[in-house]
Amino acid sequence: MRHLVLAPALAVVMAATVIACGGTTTDDATSAAPVATPSETTSLSAPGADQAAALFADNCSGCHGADGSGGSGPDLRGEDDATAVKSQIESGGGAMPSFSGQLTPDQINALAEYVTTELQ
């Protein structure tokens, strides 16, 4: 009997998490919310700090909070391994989608740098 109550509740929580992060409700783990394209966020090949902040606001804050303190995604403040952050952005994992097909390598590098230097 408990399973009959818990299963729908779990489905609602999972759907709310996906919607809050801007994802879809499909089983495709690589699908993600529409994100700003490189031309919408910056025309520079290497985004600066202001552009990295805008990238974070557009692509990450929905799950990680405007200040990186968390939400449906984990708290990013205090992350200091830019290589690990870059890998997570590129590959995704857990509930996080991959952004490698949606952001340029320069944008991913800028986000990793932003997370590890600005969200302290």
PDB file of N, CA and C in Angstrom:
ATOM      1  N   MET A   1       0.814  -1.192   0.000  1.00  0.00           N
ATOM      2  CA  MET A   1       0.000   0.000   0.000  1.00  0.00           C
ATOM      3  C   MET A   1       0.859   1.258   0.000  1.00  0.00           C
ATOM      4  N   ARG A   2       1.975   1.239   0.777  1.00  0.00           N
ATOM      5  CA  ARG A   2       2.846   2.414   0.802  1.00  0.00           C
ATOM      6  C   ARG A   2       3.426   2.700  -0.572  1.00  0.00           C
ATOM      7  N   HIS A   3       3.707   1.646  -1.337  1.00  0.00           N
ATOM      8  CA  HIS A   3       4.275   1.843  -2.676  1.00  0.00           C
ATOM      9  C   HIS A   3       3.305   2.573  -3.594  1.00  0.00           C
ATOM     10  N   LEU A   4       2.005   2.347  -3.390  1.00  0.00           N
ATOM     11  CA  LEU A   4       1.016   3.020  -4.213  1.00  0.00           C
ATOM     12  C   LEU A   4       0.992   4.515  -3.946  1.00  0.00           C
ATOM     13  N   VAL A   5       1.361   4.930  -2.758  1.00  0.00           N
ATOM     14  CA  VAL A   5       1.399   6.344  -2.408  1.00  0.00           C
ATOM     15  C   VAL A   5       2.756   6.945  -2.754  1.00  0.00           C
ATOM     16  N   LEU A   6       3.826   6.217  -2.496  1.00  0.00           N
ATOM     17  CA  LEU A   6       5.168   6.744  -2.710  1.00  0.00           C
ATOM     18  C   LEU A   6       5.529   6.899  -4.179  1.00  0.00           C
ATOM     19  N   ALA A   7       5.101   5.985  -5.023  1.00  0.00           N
ATOM     20  CA  ALA A   7       5.466   6.057  -6.438  1.00  0.00           C
ATOM     21  C   ALA A   7       4.966   7.340  -7.105  1.00  0.00           C
ATOM     22  N   PRO A   8       3.689   7.701  -6.948  1.00  0.00           N
ATOM     23  CA  PRO A   8       3.244   8.970  -7.556  1.00  0.00           C
ATOM     24  C   PRO A   8       3.927  10.186  -6.941  1.00  0.00           C
ATOM     25  N   ALA A   9       4.177  10.146  -5.633  1.00  0.00           N
ATOM     26  CA  ALA A   9       4.844  11.273  -4.984  1.00  0.00           C
ATOM     27  C   ALA A   9       6.260  11.424  -5.528  1.00  0.00           C
ATOM     28  N   LEU A  10       6.962  10.326  -5.694  1.00  0.00           N
ATOM     29  CA  LEU A  10       8.309  10.363  -6.253  1.00  0.00           C
ATOM     30  C   LEU A  10       8.291  10.890  -7.684  1.00  0.00           C
ATOM     31  N   ALA A  11       7.312  10.480  -8.454  1.00  0.00           N
ATOM     32  CA  ALA A  11       7.200  10.956  -9.837  1.00  0.00           C
ATOM     33  C   ALA A  11       6.985  12.465  -9.875  1.00  0.00           C
ATOM     34  N   VAL A  12       6.175  12.989  -8.983  1.00  0.00           N
ATOM     35  CA  VAL A  12       5.923  14.433  -8.931  1.00  0.00           C
ATOM     36  C   VAL A  12       7.199  15.183  -8.564  1.00  0.00           C
ATOM     37  N   VAL A  13       7.928  14.673  -7.569  1.00  0.00           N
ATOM     38  CA  VAL A  13       9.174  15.323  -7.151  1.00  0.00           C
ATOM     39  C   VAL A  13      10.182  15.306  -8.284  1.00  0.00           C
ATOM     40  N   MET A  14      10.318  14.184  -8.970  1.00  0.00           N
ATOM     41  CA  MET A  14      11.275  14.097 -10.085  1.00  0.00           C
ATOM     42  C   MET A  14      10.879  15.044 -11.213  1.00  0.00           C
ATOM     43  N   ALA A  15       9.602  15.099 -11.527  1.00  0.00           N
ATOM     44  CA  ALA A  15       9.142  15.996 -12.590  1.00  0.00           C
ATOM     45  C   ALA A  15       9.388  17.448 -12.211  1.00  0.00           C
ATOM     46  N   ALA A  16       9.132  17.799 -10.961  1.00  0.00           N
ATOM     47  CA  ALA A  16       9.367  19.177 -10.510  1.00  0.00           C
ATOM     48  C   ALA A  16      10.843  19.527 -10.605  1.00  0.00           C
ATOM     49  N   THR A  17      11.708  18.589 -10.264  1.00  0.00           N
ATOM     50  CA  THR A  17      13.147  18.836 -10.351  1.00  0.00           C
ATOM     51  C   THR A  17      13.566  19.063 -11.792  1.00  0.00           C
ATOM     52  N   VAL A  18      13.085  18.230 -12.691  1.00  0.00           N
ATOM     53  CA  VAL A  18      13.433  18.381 -14.108  1.00  0.00           C
ATOM     54  C   VAL A  18      12.912  19.702 -14.638  1.00  0.00           C
ATOM     55  N   ILE A  19      11.698  20.056 -14.288  1.00  0.00           N
ATOM     56  CA  ILE A  19      11.123  21.313 -14.765  1.00  0.00           C
ATOM     57  C   ILE A  19      11.873  22.495 -14.179  1.00  0.00           C
ATOM     58  N   ALA A  20      12.232  22.422 -12.901  1.00  0.00           N
ATOM     59  CA  ALA A  20      12.958  23.523 -12.259  1.00  0.00           C
ATOM     60  C   ALA A  20      14.304  23.749 -12.910  1.00  0.00           C
ATOM     61  N   CYS A  21      14.925  22.690 -13.379  1.00  0.00           N
ATOM     62  CA  CYS A  21      16.217  22.821 -14.050  1.00  0.00           C
ATOM     63  C   CYS A  21      16.046  23.152 -15.515  1.00  0.00           C
ATOM     64  N   GLY A  22      14.814  23.199 -15.971  1.00  0.00           N
ATOM     65  CA  GLY A  22      14.568  23.555 -17.359  1.00  0.00           C
ATOM     66  C   GLY A  22      14.677  22.387 -18.296  1.00  0.00           C
ATOM     67  N   GLY A  23      14.724  21.185 -17.791  1.00  0.00           N
ATOM     68  CA  GLY A  23      14.852  19.999 -18.630  1.00  0.00           C
ATOM     69  C   GLY A  23      13.512  19.571 -19.161  1.00  0.00           C
ATOM     70  N   THR A  24      13.513  18.459 -19.846  1.00  0.00           N
ATOM     71  CA  THR A  24      12.284  17.896 -20.360  1.00  0.00           C
ATOM     72  C   THR A  24      11.941  16.686 -19.527  1.00  0.00           C
ATOM     73  N   THR A  25      10.770  16.153 -19.749  1.00  0.00           N
ATOM     74  CA  THR A  25      10.360  14.985 -18.995  1.00  0.00           C
ATOM     75  C   THR A  25      10.552  13.716 -19.800  1.00  0.00           C
ATOM     76  N   THR A  26      11.376  13.731 -20.828  1.00  0.00           N
ATOM     77  CA  THR A  26      11.663  12.535 -21.590  1.00  0.00           C
ATOM     78  C   THR A  26      12.710  11.710 -20.882  1.00  0.00           C
ATOM     79  N   ASP A  27      12.869  10.483 -21.329  1.00  0.00           N
ATOM     80  CA  ASP A  27      13.876   9.611 -20.747  1.00  0.00           C
ATOM     81  C   ASP A  27      15.259   9.885 -21.315  1.00  0.00           C
ATOM     82  N   ASP A  28      15.383  10.766 -22.279  1.00  0.00           N
ATOM     83  CA  ASP A  28      16.666  11.075 -22.884  1.00  0.00           C
ATOM     84  C   ASP A  28      17.489  11.926 -21.924  1.00  0.00           C
ATOM     85  N   ALA A  29      18.496  11.318 -21.309  1.00  0.00           N
ATOM     86  CA  ALA A  29      19.302  12.009 -20.298  1.00  0.00           C
ATOM     87  C   ALA A  29      20.114  13.148 -20.884  1.00  0.00           C
ATOM     88  N   THR A  30      20.293  13.164 -22.189  1.00  0.00           N
ATOM     89  CA  THR A  30      21.095  14.226 -22.784  1.00  0.00           C
ATOM     90  C   THR A  30      20.260  15.430 -23.159  1.00  0.00           C
ATOM     91  N   SER A  31      18.931  15.316 -23.099  1.00  0.00           N
ATOM     92  CA  SER A  31      18.118  16.468 -23.444  1.00  0.00           C
ATOM     93  C   SER A  31      18.175  17.469 -22.309  1.00  0.00           C
ATOM     94  N   ALA A  32      18.181  18.714 -22.670  1.00  0.00           N
ATOM     95  CA  ALA A  32      18.257  19.768 -21.666  1.00  0.00           C
ATOM     96  C   ALA A  32      17.412  20.936 -22.126  1.00  0.00           C
ATOM     97  N   ALA A  33      17.253  21.852 -21.238  1.00  0.00           N
ATOM     98  CA  ALA A  33      16.493  23.052 -21.556  1.00  0.00           C
ATOM     99  C   ALA A  33      17.225  23.838 -22.622  1.00  0.00           C
ATOM    100  N   PRO A  34      16.480  24.591 -23.385  1.00  0.00           N
ATOM    101  CA  PRO A  34      17.159  25.468 -24.330  1.00  0.00           C
ATOM    102  C   PRO A  34      18.080  26.408 -23.575  1.00  0.00           C
ATOM    103  N   VAL A  35      19.262  26.540 -24.081  1.00  0.00           N
ATOM    104  CA  VAL A  35      20.230  27.428 -23.452  1.00  0.00           C
ATOM    105  C   VAL A  35      20.606  28.508 -24.443  1.00  0.00           C
ATOM    106  N   ALA A  36      21.180  29.536 -23.925  1.00  0.00           N
ATOM    107  CA  ALA A  36      21.625  30.619 -24.786  1.00  0.00           C
ATOM    108  C   ALA A  36      22.692  30.097 -25.722  1.00  0.00           C
ATOM    109  N   THR A  37      22.546  30.416 -26.982  1.00  0.00           N
ATOM    110  CA  THR A  37      23.559  30.004 -27.941  1.00  0.00           C
ATOM    111  C   THR A  37      24.745  30.937 -27.834  1.00  0.00           C
ATOM    112  N   PRO A  38      25.893  30.514 -28.360  1.00  0.00           N
ATOM    113  CA  PRO A  38      27.069  31.372 -28.259  1.00  0.00           C
ATOM    114  C   PRO A  38      26.824  32.781 -28.788  1.00  0.00           C
ATOM    115  N   SER A  39      26.066  32.917 -29.862  1.00  0.00           N
ATOM    116  CA  SER A  39      25.843  34.244 -30.419  1.00  0.00           C
ATOM    117  C   SER A  39      24.937  35.089 -29.527  1.00  0.00           C
ATOM    118  N   GLU A  40      24.098  34.431 -28.704  1.00  0.00           N
ATOM    119  CA  GLU A  40      23.217  35.183 -27.818  1.00  0.00           C
ATOM    120  C   GLU A  40      23.945  35.678 -26.582  1.00  0.00           C
ATOM    121  N   THR A  41      24.984  34.966 -26.150  1.00  0.00           N
ATOM    122  CA  THR A  41      25.646  35.338 -24.921  1.00  0.00           C
ATOM    123  C   THR A  41      26.915  36.133 -25.153  1.00  0.00           C
ATOM    124  N   THR A  42      27.615  35.811 -26.207  1.00  0.00           N
ATOM    125  CA  THR A  42      28.857  36.519 -26.476  1.00  0.00           C
ATOM    126  C   THR A  42      29.321  36.236 -27.889  1.00  0.00           C
ATOM    127  N   SER A  43      29.954  37.192 -28.477  1.00  0.00           N
ATOM    128  CA  SER A  43      30.551  36.966 -29.787  1.00  0.00           C
ATOM    129  C   SER A  43      32.056  36.816 -29.661  1.00  0.00           C
ATOM    130  N   LEU A  44      32.563  36.913 -28.441  1.00  0.00           N
ATOM    131  CA  LEU A  44      33.995  36.768 -28.219  1.00  0.00           C
ATOM    132  C   LEU A  44      34.366  35.303 -28.195  1.00  0.00           C
ATOM    133  N   SER A  45      35.586  34.986 -28.580  1.00  0.00           N
ATOM    134  CA  SER A  45      36.009  33.595 -28.546  1.00  0.00           C
ATOM    135  C   SER A  45      36.304  33.150 -27.125  1.00  0.00           C
ATOM    136  N   ALA A  46      36.727  34.036 -26.259  1.00  0.00           N
ATOM    137  CA  ALA A  46      36.996  33.708 -24.862  1.00  0.00           C
ATOM    138  C   ALA A  46      36.203  34.658 -23.975  1.00  0.00           C
ATOM    139  N   PRO A  47      35.084  34.179 -23.422  1.00  0.00           N
ATOM    140  CA  PRO A  47      34.238  35.053 -22.606  1.00  0.00           C
ATOM    141  C   PRO A  47      34.974  35.625 -21.406  1.00  0.00           C
ATOM    142  N   GLY A  48      34.684  36.888 -21.098  1.00  0.00           N
ATOM    143  CA  GLY A  48      35.251  37.530 -19.921  1.00  0.00           C
ATOM    144  C   GLY A  48      34.408  37.225 -18.700  1.00  0.00           C
ATOM    145  N   ALA A  49      34.766  37.805 -17.570  1.00  0.00           N
ATOM    146  CA  ALA A  49      34.084  37.540 -16.309  1.00  0.00           C
ATOM    147  C   ALA A  49      32.606  37.912 -16.360  1.00  0.00           C
ATOM    148  N   ASP A  50      32.278  39.052 -16.971  1.00  0.00           N
ATOM    149  CA  ASP A  50      30.874  39.453 -17.069  1.00  0.00           C
ATOM    150  C   ASP A  50      30.083  38.478 -17.923  1.00  0.00           C
ATOM    151  N   GLN A  51      30.700  38.035 -19.015  1.00  0.00           N
ATOM    152  CA  GLN A  51      30.016  37.077 -19.878  1.00  0.00           C
ATOM    153  C   GLN A  51      29.896  35.718 -19.203  1.00  0.00           C
ATOM    154  N   ALA A  52      30.895  35.331 -18.416  1.00  0.00           N
ATOM    155  CA  ALA A  52      30.817  34.071 -17.675  1.00  0.00           C
ATOM    156  C   ALA A  52      29.687  34.139 -16.646  1.00  0.00           C
ATOM    157  N   ALA A  53      29.538  35.278 -15.999  1.00  0.00           N
ATOM    158  CA  ALA A  53      28.446  35.453 -15.042  1.00  0.00           C
ATOM    159  C   ALA A  53      27.094  35.335 -15.753  1.00  0.00           C
ATOM    160  N   ALA A  54      26.994  35.905 -16.947  1.00  0.00           N
ATOM    161  CA  ALA A  54      25.757  35.807 -17.723  1.00  0.00           C
ATOM    162  C   ALA A  54      25.500  34.365 -18.152  1.00  0.00           C
ATOM    163  N   LEU A  55      26.556  33.657 -18.543  1.00  0.00           N
ATOM    164  CA  LEU A  55      26.411  32.243 -18.898  1.00  0.00           C
ATOM    165  C   LEU A  55      25.897  31.448 -17.698  1.00  0.00           C
ATOM    166  N   PHE A  56      26.455  31.719 -16.526  1.00  0.00           N
ATOM    167  CA  PHE A  56      26.018  31.027 -15.312  1.00  0.00           C
ATOM    168  C   PHE A  56      24.543  31.339 -15.054  1.00  0.00           C
ATOM    169  N   ALA A  57      24.176  32.602 -15.138  1.00  0.00           N
ATOM    170  CA  ALA A  57      22.785  33.000 -14.892  1.00  0.00           C
ATOM    171  C   ALA A  57      21.840  32.313 -15.878  1.00  0.00           C
ATOM    172  N   ASP A  58      22.247  32.240 -17.146  1.00  0.00           N
ATOM    173  CA  ASP A  58      21.392  31.668 -18.192  1.00  0.00           C
ATOM    174  C   ASP A  58      21.303  30.149 -18.130  1.00  0.00           C
ATOM    175  N   ASN A  59      22.380  29.482 -17.741  1.00  0.00           N
ATOM    176  CA  ASN A  59      22.449  28.031 -17.889  1.00  0.00           C
ATOM    177  C   ASN A  59      22.527  27.244 -16.588  1.00  0.00           C
ATOM    178  N   CYS A  60      22.930  27.874 -15.503  1.00  0.00           N
ATOM    179  CA  CYS A  60      23.226  27.129 -14.273  1.00  0.00           C
ATOM    180  C   CYS A  60      22.366  27.535 -13.081  1.00  0.00           C
ATOM    181  N   SER A  61      22.001  28.799 -13.020  1.00  0.00           N
ATOM    182  CA  SER A  61      21.338  29.311 -11.816  1.00  0.00           C
ATOM    183  C   SER A  61      19.974  28.693 -11.565  1.00  0.00           C
ATOM    184  N   GLY A  62      19.319  28.195 -12.587  1.00  0.00           N
ATOM    185  CA  GLY A  62      18.016  27.562 -12.399  1.00  0.00           C
ATOM    186  C   GLY A  62      18.073  26.382 -11.449  1.00  0.00           C
ATOM    187  N   CYS A  63      19.193  25.671 -11.453  1.00  0.00           N
ATOM    188  CA  CYS A  63      19.361  24.516 -10.561  1.00  0.00           C
ATOM    189  C   CYS A  63      20.310  24.808  -9.404  1.00  0.00           C
ATOM    190  N   HIS A  64      21.318  25.641  -9.634  1.00  0.00           N
ATOM    191  CA  HIS A  64      22.349  25.869  -8.624  1.00  0.00           C
ATOM    192  C   HIS A  64      22.172  27.181  -7.862  1.00  0.00           C
ATOM    193  N   GLY A  65      21.127  27.943  -8.166  1.00  0.00           N
ATOM    194  CA  GLY A  65      20.885  29.211  -7.496  1.00  0.00           C
ATOM    195  C   GLY A  65      21.711  30.333  -8.096  1.00  0.00           C
ATOM    196  N   ALA A  66      21.211  31.541  -7.995  1.00  0.00           N
ATOM    197  CA  ALA A  66      21.883  32.700  -8.582  1.00  0.00           C
ATOM    198  C   ALA A  66      23.276  32.914  -8.023  1.00  0.00           C
ATOM    199  N   ASP A  67      23.460  32.541  -6.759  1.00  0.00           N
ATOM    200  CA  ASP A  67      24.770  32.717  -6.119  1.00  0.00           C
ATOM    201  C   ASP A  67      25.540  31.401  -6.020  1.00  0.00           C
ATOM    202  N   GLY A  68      25.019  30.341  -6.645  1.00  0.00           N
ATOM    203  CA  GLY A  68      25.680  29.050  -6.620  1.00  0.00           C
ATOM    204  C   GLY A  68      25.444  28.261  -5.349  1.00  0.00           C
ATOM    205  N   SER A  69      24.539  28.743  -4.481  1.00  0.00           N
ATOM    206  CA  SER A  69      24.340  28.102  -3.178  1.00  0.00           C
ATOM    207  C   SER A  69      23.503  26.833  -3.238  1.00  0.00           C
ATOM    208  N   GLY A  70      23.010  26.495  -4.393  1.00  0.00           N
ATOM    209  CA  GLY A  70      22.256  25.259  -4.539  1.00  0.00           C
ATOM    210  C   GLY A  70      20.778  25.491  -4.675  1.00  0.00           C
ATOM    211  N   GLY A  71      20.088  24.437  -4.888  1.00  0.00           N
ATOM    212  CA  GLY A  71      18.649  24.406  -5.098  1.00  0.00           C
ATOM    213  C   GLY A  71      18.342  22.957  -5.394  1.00  0.00           C
ATOM    214  N   SER A  72      17.835  22.682  -6.595  1.00  0.00           N
ATOM    215  CA  SER A  72      17.674  21.284  -6.981  1.00  0.00           C
ATOM    216  C   SER A  72      19.033  20.680  -7.352  1.00  0.00           C
ATOM    217  N   GLY A  73      20.006  21.551  -7.670  1.00  0.00           N
ATOM    218  CA  GLY A  73      21.385  21.125  -7.905  1.00  0.00           C
ATOM    219  C   GLY A  73      22.222  21.446  -6.679  1.00  0.00           C
ATOM    220  N   PRO A  74      23.406  20.882  -6.592  1.00  0.00           N
ATOM    221  CA  PRO A  74      24.230  21.087  -5.392  1.00  0.00           C
ATOM    222  C   PRO A  74      24.811  22.493  -5.272  1.00  0.00           C
ATOM    223  N   ASP A  75      25.210  22.828  -4.071  1.00  0.00           N
ATOM    224  CA  ASP A  75      25.914  24.067  -3.757  1.00  0.00           C
ATOM    225  C   ASP A  75      27.276  24.028  -4.453  1.00  0.00           C
ATOM    226  N   LEU A  76      27.581  25.032  -5.239  1.00  0.00           N
ATOM    227  CA  LEU A  76      28.846  25.080  -5.975  1.00  0.00           C
ATOM    228  C   LEU A  76      29.885  25.973  -5.306  1.00  0.00           C
ATOM    229  N   ARG A  77      29.475  26.684  -4.273  1.00  0.00           N
ATOM    230  CA  ARG A  77      30.414  27.581  -3.603  1.00  0.00           C
ATOM    231  C   ARG A  77      31.528  26.759  -2.973  1.00  0.00           C
ATOM    232  N   GLY A  78      32.732  27.229  -3.122  1.00  0.00           N
ATOM    233  CA  GLY A  78      33.875  26.531  -2.559  1.00  0.00           C
ATOM    234  C   GLY A  78      34.499  25.503  -3.479  1.00  0.00           C
ATOM    235  N   GLU A  79      33.892  25.261  -4.638  1.00  0.00           N
ATOM    236  CA  GLU A  79      34.515  24.354  -5.607  1.00  0.00           C
ATOM    237  C   GLU A  79      35.829  24.984  -6.040  1.00  0.00           C
ATOM    238  N   ASP A  80      36.904  24.211  -6.026  1.00  0.00           N
ATOM    239  CA  ASP A  80      38.197  24.786  -6.392  1.00  0.00           C
ATOM    240  C   ASP A  80      38.944  23.983  -7.455  1.00  0.00           C
ATOM    241  N   ASP A  81      38.336  22.945  -7.980  1.00  0.00           N
ATOM    242  CA  ASP A  81      38.965  22.120  -9.003  1.00  0.00           C
ATOM    243  C   ASP A  81      38.321  22.426 -10.355  1.00  0.00           C
ATOM    244  N   ALA A  82      38.917  23.375 -11.079  1.00  0.00           N
ATOM    245  CA  ALA A  82      38.349  23.810 -12.361  1.00  0.00           C
ATOM    246  C   ALA A  82      38.266  22.665 -13.360  1.00  0.00           C
ATOM    247  N   THR A  83      39.214  21.737 -13.306  1.00  0.00           N
ATOM    248  CA  THR A  83      39.196  20.598 -14.235  1.00  0.00           C
ATOM    249  C   THR A  83      37.986  19.717 -13.970  1.00  0.00           C
ATOM    250  N   ALA A  84      37.678  19.455 -12.710  1.00  0.00           N
ATOM    251  CA  ALA A  84      36.515  18.638 -12.363  1.00  0.00           C
ATOM    252  C   ALA A  84      35.216  19.348 -12.726  1.00  0.00           C
ATOM    253  N   VAL A  85      35.158  20.650 -12.483  1.00  0.00           N
ATOM    254  CA  VAL A  85      33.961  21.423 -12.826  1.00  0.00           C
ATOM    255  C   VAL A  85      33.765  21.419 -14.336  1.00  0.00           C
ATOM    256  N   LYS A  86      34.836  21.622 -15.077  1.00  0.00           N
ATOM    257  CA  LYS A  86      34.763  21.600 -16.544  1.00  0.00           C
ATOM    258  C   LYS A  86      34.253  20.243 -17.027  1.00  0.00           C
ATOM    259  N   SER A  87      34.772  19.172 -16.469  1.00  0.00           N
ATOM    260  CA  SER A  87      34.344  17.831 -16.854  1.00  0.00           C
ATOM    261  C   SER A  87      32.863  17.616 -16.570  1.00  0.00           C
ATOM    262  N   GLN A  88      32.390  18.102 -15.432  1.00  0.00           N
ATOM    263  CA  GLN A  88      30.977  17.962 -15.085  1.00  0.00           C
ATOM    264  C   GLN A  88      30.099  18.746 -16.052  1.00  0.00           C
ATOM    265  N   ILE A  89      30.524  19.939 -16.421  1.00  0.00           N
ATOM    266  CA  ILE A  89      29.755  20.744 -17.372  1.00  0.00           C
ATOM    267  C   ILE A  89      29.712  20.044 -18.730  1.00  0.00           C
ATOM    268  N   GLU A  90      30.853  19.540 -19.165  1.00  0.00           N
ATOM    269  CA  GLU A  90      30.931  18.879 -20.470  1.00  0.00           C
ATOM    270  C   GLU A  90      30.140  17.577 -20.515  1.00  0.00           C
ATOM    271  N   SER A  91      30.301  16.754 -19.496  1.00  0.00           N
ATOM    272  CA  SER A  91      29.748  15.399 -19.528  1.00  0.00           C
ATOM    273  C   SER A  91      28.411  15.251 -18.825  1.00  0.00           C
ATOM    274  N   GLY A  92      28.119  16.149 -17.898  1.00  0.00           N
ATOM    275  CA  GLY A  92      26.925  15.996 -17.091  1.00  0.00           C
ATOM    276  C   GLY A  92      27.108  14.846 -16.119  1.00  0.00           C
ATOM    277  N   GLY A  93      26.045  14.381 -15.577  1.00  0.00           N
ATOM    278  CA  GLY A  93      26.081  13.265 -14.642  1.00  0.00           C
ATOM    279  C   GLY A  93      25.068  13.482 -13.547  1.00  0.00           C
ATOM    280  N   GLY A  94      24.567  12.395 -13.010  1.00  0.00           N
ATOM    281  CA  GLY A  94      23.484  12.518 -12.052  1.00  0.00           C
ATOM    282  C   GLY A  94      22.284  13.130 -12.764  1.00  0.00           C
ATOM    283  N   ALA A  95      21.695  14.135 -12.189  1.00  0.00           N
ATOM    284  CA  ALA A  95      20.552  14.813 -12.807  1.00  0.00           C
ATOM    285  C   ALA A  95      20.982  15.929 -13.758  1.00  0.00           C
ATOM    286  N   MET A  96      22.278  16.223 -13.808  1.00  0.00           N
ATOM    287  CA  MET A  96      22.761  17.327 -14.638  1.00  0.00           C
ATOM    288  C   MET A  96      22.987  16.868 -16.080  1.00  0.00           C
ATOM    289  N   PRO A  97      22.442  17.633 -17.037  1.00  0.00           N
ATOM    290  CA  PRO A  97      22.687  17.290 -18.436  1.00  0.00           C
ATOM    291  C   PRO A  97      24.077  17.743 -18.874  1.00  0.00           C
ATOM    292  N   SER A  98      24.535  17.179 -19.954  1.00  0.00           N
ATOM    293  CA  SER A  98      25.784  17.622 -20.584  1.00  0.00           C
ATOM    294  C   SER A  98      25.523  18.923 -21.332  1.00  0.00           C
ATOM    295  N   PHE A  99      26.475  19.841 -21.264  1.00  0.00           N
ATOM    296  CA  PHE A  99      26.364  21.090 -22.003  1.00  0.00           C
ATOM    297  C   PHE A  99      27.366  21.164 -23.149  1.00  0.00           C
ATOM    298  N   SER A 100      28.067  20.063 -23.433  1.00  0.00           N
ATOM    299  CA  SER A 100      29.113  20.098 -24.455  1.00  0.00           C
ATOM    300  C   SER A 100      28.569  20.394 -25.846  1.00  0.00           C
ATOM    301  N   GLY A 101      27.359  20.044 -26.136  1.00  0.00           N
ATOM    302  CA  GLY A 101      26.783  20.325 -27.442  1.00  0.00           C
ATOM    303  C   GLY A 101      26.068  21.660 -27.508  1.00  0.00           C
ATOM    304  N   GLN A 102      25.953  22.345 -26.365  1.00  0.00           N
ATOM    305  CA  GLN A 102      25.200  23.587 -26.320  1.00  0.00           C
ATOM    306  C   GLN A 102      26.063  24.802 -26.048  1.00  0.00           C
ATOM    307  N   LEU A 103      27.210  24.589 -25.439  1.00  0.00           N
ATOM    308  CA  LEU A 103      28.137  25.686 -25.150  1.00  0.00           C
ATOM    309  C   LEU A 103      29.462  25.389 -25.844  1.00  0.00           C
ATOM    310  N   THR A 104      30.152  26.441 -26.220  1.00  0.00           N
ATOM    311  CA  THR A 104      31.460  26.267 -26.860  1.00  0.00           C
ATOM    312  C   THR A 104      32.494  25.865 -25.802  1.00  0.00           C
ATOM    313  N   PRO A 105      33.609  25.292 -26.231  1.00  0.00           N
ATOM    314  CA  PRO A 105      34.675  24.982 -25.271  1.00  0.00           C
ATOM    315  C   PRO A 105      35.123  26.215 -24.484  1.00  0.00           C
ATOM    316  N   ASP A 106      35.205  27.362 -25.131  1.00  0.00           N
ATOM    317  CA  ASP A 106      35.589  28.595 -24.430  1.00  0.00           C
ATOM    318  C   ASP A 106      34.552  28.972 -23.374  1.00  0.00           C
ATOM    319  N   GLN A 107      33.285  28.798 -23.676  1.00  0.00           N
ATOM    320  CA  GLN A 107      32.242  29.102 -22.704  1.00  0.00           C
ATOM    321  C   GLN A 107      32.300  28.140 -21.522  1.00  0.00           C
ATOM    322  N   ILE A 108      32.545  26.867 -21.795  1.00  0.00           N
ATOM    323  CA  ILE A 108      32.664  25.878 -20.720  1.00  0.00           C
ATOM    324  C   ILE A 108      33.860  26.208 -19.836  1.00  0.00           C
ATOM    325  N   ASN A 109      34.985  26.553 -20.449  1.00  0.00           N
ATOM    326  CA  ASN A 109      36.165  26.954 -19.666  1.00  0.00           C
ATOM    327  C   ASN A 109      35.859  28.175 -18.814  1.00  0.00           C
ATOM    328  N   ALA A 110      35.168  29.148 -19.395  1.00  0.00           N
ATOM    329  CA  ALA A 110      34.825  30.366 -18.657  1.00  0.00           C
ATOM    330  C   ALA A 110      33.901  30.050 -17.480  1.00  0.00           C
ATOM    331  N   LEU A 111      32.939  29.151 -17.684  1.00  0.00           N
ATOM    332  CA  LEU A 111      32.055  28.765 -16.585  1.00  0.00           C
ATOM    333  C   LEU A 111      32.812  28.050 -15.481  1.00  0.00           C
ATOM    334  N   ALA A 112      33.709  27.152 -15.848  1.00  0.00           N
ATOM    335  CA  ALA A 112      34.508  26.441 -14.838  1.00  0.00           C
ATOM    336  C   ALA A 112      35.349  27.412 -14.041  1.00  0.00           C
ATOM    337  N   GLU A 113      35.944  28.374 -14.718  1.00  0.00           N
ATOM    338  CA  GLU A 113      36.747  29.394 -14.041  1.00  0.00           C
ATOM    339  C   GLU A 113      35.868  30.254 -13.135  1.00  0.00           C
ATOM    340  N   TYR A 114      34.698  30.629 -13.627  1.00  0.00           N
ATOM    341  CA  TYR A 114      33.755  31.431 -12.850  1.00  0.00           C
ATOM    342  C   TYR A 114      33.344  30.697 -11.568  1.00  0.00           C
ATOM    343  N   VAL A 115      32.973  29.435 -11.709  1.00  0.00           N
ATOM    344  CA  VAL A 115      32.531  28.651 -10.552  1.00  0.00           C
ATOM    345  C   VAL A 115      33.648  28.539  -9.517  1.00  0.00           C
ATOM    346  N   THR A 116      34.873  28.311  -9.976  1.00  0.00           N
ATOM    347  CA  THR A 116      35.967  28.066  -9.025  1.00  0.00           C
ATOM    348  C   THR A 116      36.601  29.323  -8.475  1.00  0.00           C
ATOM    349  N   THR A 117      36.310  30.484  -9.073  1.00  0.00           N
ATOM    350  CA  THR A 117      36.929  31.713  -8.570  1.00  0.00           C
ATOM    351  C   THR A 117      35.921  32.725  -8.034  1.00  0.00           C
ATOM    352  N   GLU A 118      34.723  32.725  -8.570  1.00  0.00           N
ATOM    353  CA  GLU A 118      33.751  33.751  -8.193  1.00  0.00           C
ATOM    354  C   GLU A 118      32.694  33.275  -7.210  1.00  0.00           C
ATOM    355  N   LEU A 119      32.428  31.993  -7.156  1.00  0.00           N
ATOM    356  CA  LEU A 119      31.374  31.485  -6.279  1.00  0.00           C
ATOM    357  C   LEU A 119      31.956  30.995  -4.964  1.00  0.00           C
ATOM    358  N   GLN A 120      32.744  31.809  -4.366  1.00  0.00           N
ATOM    359  CA  GLN A 120      33.374  31.431  -3.094  1.00  0.00           C
ATOM    360  C   GLN A 120      32.540  31.986  -2.011  1.00  0.00           C
TER     361      GLN A 120
END
